[in-house]
N, C-alpha and C. Protein backbone atom coordinates (compact mmCIF):
# COMPACT_ATOMS: atom_id res chain seq x y z
N MET A 1 -13.14 10.42 10.81
CA MET A 1 -12.34 10.24 9.60
C MET A 1 -12.64 8.85 9.05
N PRO A 2 -13.04 8.74 7.79
CA PRO A 2 -13.29 7.41 7.21
C PRO A 2 -12.02 6.58 7.18
N GLY A 3 -12.17 5.29 7.45
CA GLY A 3 -11.02 4.40 7.46
C GLY A 3 -11.41 2.94 7.46
N SER A 4 -10.41 2.08 7.42
CA SER A 4 -10.64 0.64 7.42
C SER A 4 -11.14 0.20 8.79
N GLN A 5 -11.87 -0.89 8.79
CA GLN A 5 -12.32 -1.51 10.04
C GLN A 5 -11.25 -2.51 10.46
N GLY A 6 -10.18 -2.02 11.04
CA GLY A 6 -9.09 -2.88 11.47
C GLY A 6 -7.96 -2.94 10.46
N VAL A 7 -7.14 -3.96 10.64
CA VAL A 7 -5.91 -4.14 9.87
C VAL A 7 -6.22 -4.54 8.43
N VAL A 8 -5.38 -4.05 7.52
CA VAL A 8 -5.47 -4.40 6.10
C VAL A 8 -4.26 -5.28 5.79
N GLU A 9 -4.52 -6.56 5.45
CA GLU A 9 -3.43 -7.51 5.26
C GLU A 9 -2.92 -7.62 3.83
N ASP A 10 -3.79 -7.39 2.85
CA ASP A 10 -3.37 -7.63 1.47
C ASP A 10 -3.88 -6.55 0.53
N GLU A 11 -3.34 -6.57 -0.69
CA GLU A 11 -3.67 -5.53 -1.66
C GLU A 11 -5.15 -5.53 -2.04
N GLU A 12 -5.75 -6.71 -2.16
CA GLU A 12 -7.17 -6.77 -2.54
C GLU A 12 -8.03 -6.01 -1.55
N LYS A 13 -7.81 -6.25 -0.27
CA LYS A 13 -8.58 -5.54 0.75
C LYS A 13 -8.22 -4.06 0.77
N ALA A 14 -6.95 -3.74 0.60
CA ALA A 14 -6.52 -2.35 0.61
C ALA A 14 -7.20 -1.56 -0.52
N VAL A 15 -7.24 -2.13 -1.70
CA VAL A 15 -7.87 -1.44 -2.84
C VAL A 15 -9.36 -1.28 -2.59
N ARG A 16 -10.01 -2.31 -2.10
CA ARG A 16 -11.45 -2.25 -1.83
C ARG A 16 -11.77 -1.15 -0.81
N VAL A 17 -11.02 -1.12 0.28
CA VAL A 17 -11.25 -0.11 1.31
C VAL A 17 -10.95 1.28 0.78
N ALA A 18 -9.85 1.43 0.07
CA ALA A 18 -9.47 2.74 -0.48
C ALA A 18 -10.52 3.27 -1.45
N LYS A 19 -11.05 2.40 -2.30
CA LYS A 19 -12.09 2.84 -3.23
C LYS A 19 -13.35 3.25 -2.48
N ASP A 20 -13.69 2.53 -1.42
CA ASP A 20 -14.86 2.89 -0.61
C ASP A 20 -14.68 4.25 0.05
N ILE A 21 -13.48 4.50 0.56
CA ILE A 21 -13.18 5.76 1.25
C ILE A 21 -13.05 6.90 0.26
N GLY A 22 -12.37 6.62 -0.85
CA GLY A 22 -12.04 7.64 -1.84
C GLY A 22 -10.59 8.07 -1.70
N PHE A 23 -9.93 8.21 -2.82
CA PHE A 23 -8.51 8.59 -2.83
C PHE A 23 -8.37 10.10 -2.65
N PRO A 24 -7.26 10.56 -2.11
CA PRO A 24 -6.12 9.81 -1.59
C PRO A 24 -6.42 9.23 -0.21
N VAL A 25 -5.67 8.16 0.11
CA VAL A 25 -5.75 7.55 1.43
C VAL A 25 -4.33 7.46 1.98
N ILE A 26 -4.25 7.13 3.26
CA ILE A 26 -2.94 6.95 3.88
C ILE A 26 -2.92 5.61 4.59
N LEU A 27 -1.85 4.87 4.37
CA LEU A 27 -1.61 3.62 5.09
C LEU A 27 -0.84 4.00 6.35
N LYS A 28 -1.28 3.50 7.50
CA LYS A 28 -0.66 3.88 8.77
C LYS A 28 -0.37 2.64 9.60
N ALA A 29 0.80 2.61 10.19
CA ALA A 29 1.18 1.51 11.07
C ALA A 29 0.27 1.52 12.31
N SER A 30 -0.30 0.37 12.64
CA SER A 30 -1.21 0.32 13.78
C SER A 30 -0.50 0.49 15.12
N ALA A 31 0.77 0.11 15.18
CA ALA A 31 1.52 0.22 16.43
C ALA A 31 2.45 1.41 16.43
N GLY A 32 2.30 2.29 15.45
CA GLY A 32 3.31 3.30 15.24
C GLY A 32 3.03 4.67 15.78
N GLY A 33 3.90 5.53 15.36
CA GLY A 33 3.84 6.93 15.72
C GLY A 33 4.99 7.65 15.07
N GLY A 34 4.92 8.94 15.05
CA GLY A 34 6.01 9.75 14.52
C GLY A 34 6.21 9.65 13.02
N GLY A 35 5.18 9.21 12.30
CA GLY A 35 5.27 9.14 10.84
C GLY A 35 5.89 7.87 10.29
N ARG A 36 6.35 6.98 11.16
CA ARG A 36 6.94 5.71 10.70
C ARG A 36 5.83 4.78 10.23
N GLY A 37 6.07 4.08 9.13
CA GLY A 37 5.10 3.13 8.61
C GLY A 37 3.90 3.78 7.95
N MET A 38 4.08 4.99 7.43
CA MET A 38 2.98 5.70 6.77
C MET A 38 3.30 5.89 5.28
N ARG A 39 2.29 5.68 4.44
CA ARG A 39 2.44 5.88 3.01
C ARG A 39 1.14 6.47 2.46
N ILE A 40 1.27 7.50 1.64
CA ILE A 40 0.11 8.09 0.96
C ILE A 40 -0.12 7.33 -0.33
N VAL A 41 -1.38 7.02 -0.61
CA VAL A 41 -1.76 6.30 -1.83
C VAL A 41 -2.77 7.15 -2.58
N ARG A 42 -2.47 7.44 -3.85
CA ARG A 42 -3.33 8.32 -4.64
C ARG A 42 -4.11 7.59 -5.74
N GLN A 43 -3.81 6.31 -5.93
CA GLN A 43 -4.51 5.54 -6.96
C GLN A 43 -4.59 4.08 -6.54
N ALA A 44 -5.36 3.29 -7.28
CA ALA A 44 -5.69 1.93 -6.88
C ALA A 44 -4.50 0.97 -6.82
N ARG A 45 -3.38 1.30 -7.37
CA ARG A 45 -2.21 0.42 -7.29
C ARG A 45 -1.51 0.61 -5.94
N THR A 46 -1.93 -0.16 -4.95
CA THR A 46 -1.44 0.03 -3.58
C THR A 46 -0.28 -0.88 -3.21
N SER A 47 -0.04 -1.93 -3.97
CA SER A 47 0.88 -3.00 -3.57
C SER A 47 2.25 -2.53 -3.10
N PRO A 48 2.99 -1.72 -3.89
CA PRO A 48 4.33 -1.33 -3.42
C PRO A 48 4.29 -0.52 -2.13
N ARG A 49 3.34 0.36 -2.00
CA ARG A 49 3.24 1.20 -0.81
C ARG A 49 2.77 0.39 0.40
N LEU A 50 1.86 -0.56 0.17
CA LEU A 50 1.40 -1.43 1.25
C LEU A 50 2.56 -2.25 1.79
N ARG A 51 3.32 -2.88 0.90
CA ARG A 51 4.47 -3.69 1.34
C ARG A 51 5.51 -2.83 2.06
N ALA A 52 5.75 -1.62 1.56
CA ALA A 52 6.73 -0.74 2.19
C ALA A 52 6.27 -0.31 3.58
N ALA A 53 5.00 0.04 3.71
CA ALA A 53 4.48 0.44 5.02
C ALA A 53 4.54 -0.72 6.01
N GLN A 54 4.18 -1.92 5.54
CA GLN A 54 4.24 -3.10 6.41
C GLN A 54 5.67 -3.40 6.84
N ALA A 55 6.62 -3.32 5.91
CA ALA A 55 8.02 -3.60 6.24
C ALA A 55 8.58 -2.57 7.22
N GLU A 56 8.26 -1.29 7.00
CA GLU A 56 8.75 -0.26 7.91
C GLU A 56 8.12 -0.40 9.29
N ALA A 57 6.83 -0.73 9.34
CA ALA A 57 6.16 -0.94 10.62
C ALA A 57 6.80 -2.12 11.37
N GLN A 58 7.07 -3.19 10.65
CA GLN A 58 7.71 -4.36 11.27
C GLN A 58 9.09 -3.99 11.82
N ALA A 59 9.87 -3.28 11.03
CA ALA A 59 11.22 -2.91 11.46
C ALA A 59 11.20 -1.94 12.65
N ALA A 60 10.28 -1.00 12.63
CA ALA A 60 10.27 0.04 13.66
C ALA A 60 9.56 -0.40 14.94
N PHE A 61 8.48 -1.18 14.80
CA PHE A 61 7.62 -1.46 15.95
C PHE A 61 7.46 -2.95 16.26
N GLY A 62 8.00 -3.81 15.39
CA GLY A 62 7.88 -5.24 15.61
C GLY A 62 6.54 -5.83 15.24
N VAL A 63 5.69 -5.02 14.59
CA VAL A 63 4.35 -5.43 14.18
C VAL A 63 4.11 -4.87 12.77
N PRO A 64 3.79 -5.71 11.77
CA PRO A 64 3.62 -5.23 10.41
C PRO A 64 2.22 -4.69 10.09
N ASP A 65 1.34 -4.67 11.06
CA ASP A 65 -0.06 -4.31 10.80
C ASP A 65 -0.23 -2.84 10.41
N VAL A 66 -1.02 -2.62 9.35
CA VAL A 66 -1.35 -1.27 8.91
C VAL A 66 -2.86 -1.16 8.70
N TYR A 67 -3.35 0.04 8.81
CA TYR A 67 -4.75 0.32 8.50
C TYR A 67 -4.80 1.50 7.54
N ILE A 68 -5.98 1.83 7.06
CA ILE A 68 -6.16 2.88 6.06
C ILE A 68 -7.10 3.94 6.58
N GLU A 69 -6.77 5.20 6.31
CA GLU A 69 -7.64 6.33 6.58
C GLU A 69 -7.65 7.24 5.36
N ARG A 70 -8.69 8.06 5.26
CA ARG A 70 -8.67 9.09 4.22
C ARG A 70 -7.51 10.03 4.52
N TYR A 71 -6.82 10.47 3.47
CA TYR A 71 -5.72 11.41 3.63
C TYR A 71 -6.24 12.81 3.31
N VAL A 72 -6.07 13.71 4.23
CA VAL A 72 -6.50 15.08 4.04
C VAL A 72 -5.28 15.90 3.64
N GLU A 73 -5.29 16.37 2.40
CA GLU A 73 -4.11 17.06 1.87
C GLU A 73 -3.93 18.47 2.41
N ALA A 74 -5.00 19.20 2.55
CA ALA A 74 -4.92 20.58 3.02
C ALA A 74 -5.98 20.80 4.09
N PRO A 75 -5.68 20.39 5.33
CA PRO A 75 -6.69 20.53 6.37
C PRO A 75 -7.02 21.99 6.63
N ALA A 76 -8.26 22.25 6.92
CA ALA A 76 -8.68 23.62 7.26
C ALA A 76 -8.11 23.96 8.62
N THR A 77 -7.74 25.17 8.76
CA THR A 77 -7.24 25.63 10.06
C THR A 77 -8.23 26.61 10.65
N SER A 78 -8.27 26.65 11.94
CA SER A 78 -9.15 27.61 12.61
C SER A 78 -8.29 28.61 13.34
N ARG A 79 -8.79 29.79 13.42
CA ARG A 79 -8.08 30.85 14.11
C ARG A 79 -8.89 31.32 15.31
N SER A 80 -8.23 31.52 16.39
CA SER A 80 -8.90 32.09 17.56
C SER A 80 -8.72 33.60 17.52
N ARG A 81 -9.77 34.29 17.82
CA ARG A 81 -9.67 35.75 17.86
C ARG A 81 -10.00 36.25 19.22
């Protein structure tokens, strides 16, 4: 899955990485789990979502670090027969 090479600290880096990956992307808490500290971003204006993901990650896990991955809206499913 395409994603950032480590933590994304600011909007400039977030936009650059997101454009390289292609929208939509998802911001994910590096220390998280269970959906906490995650935000979907569909366009280059990442600032409010980046700050919100960082704040939620800090509150939930004590670490504000987030990274970016491509967001897959409708993943293919496989069936066993």
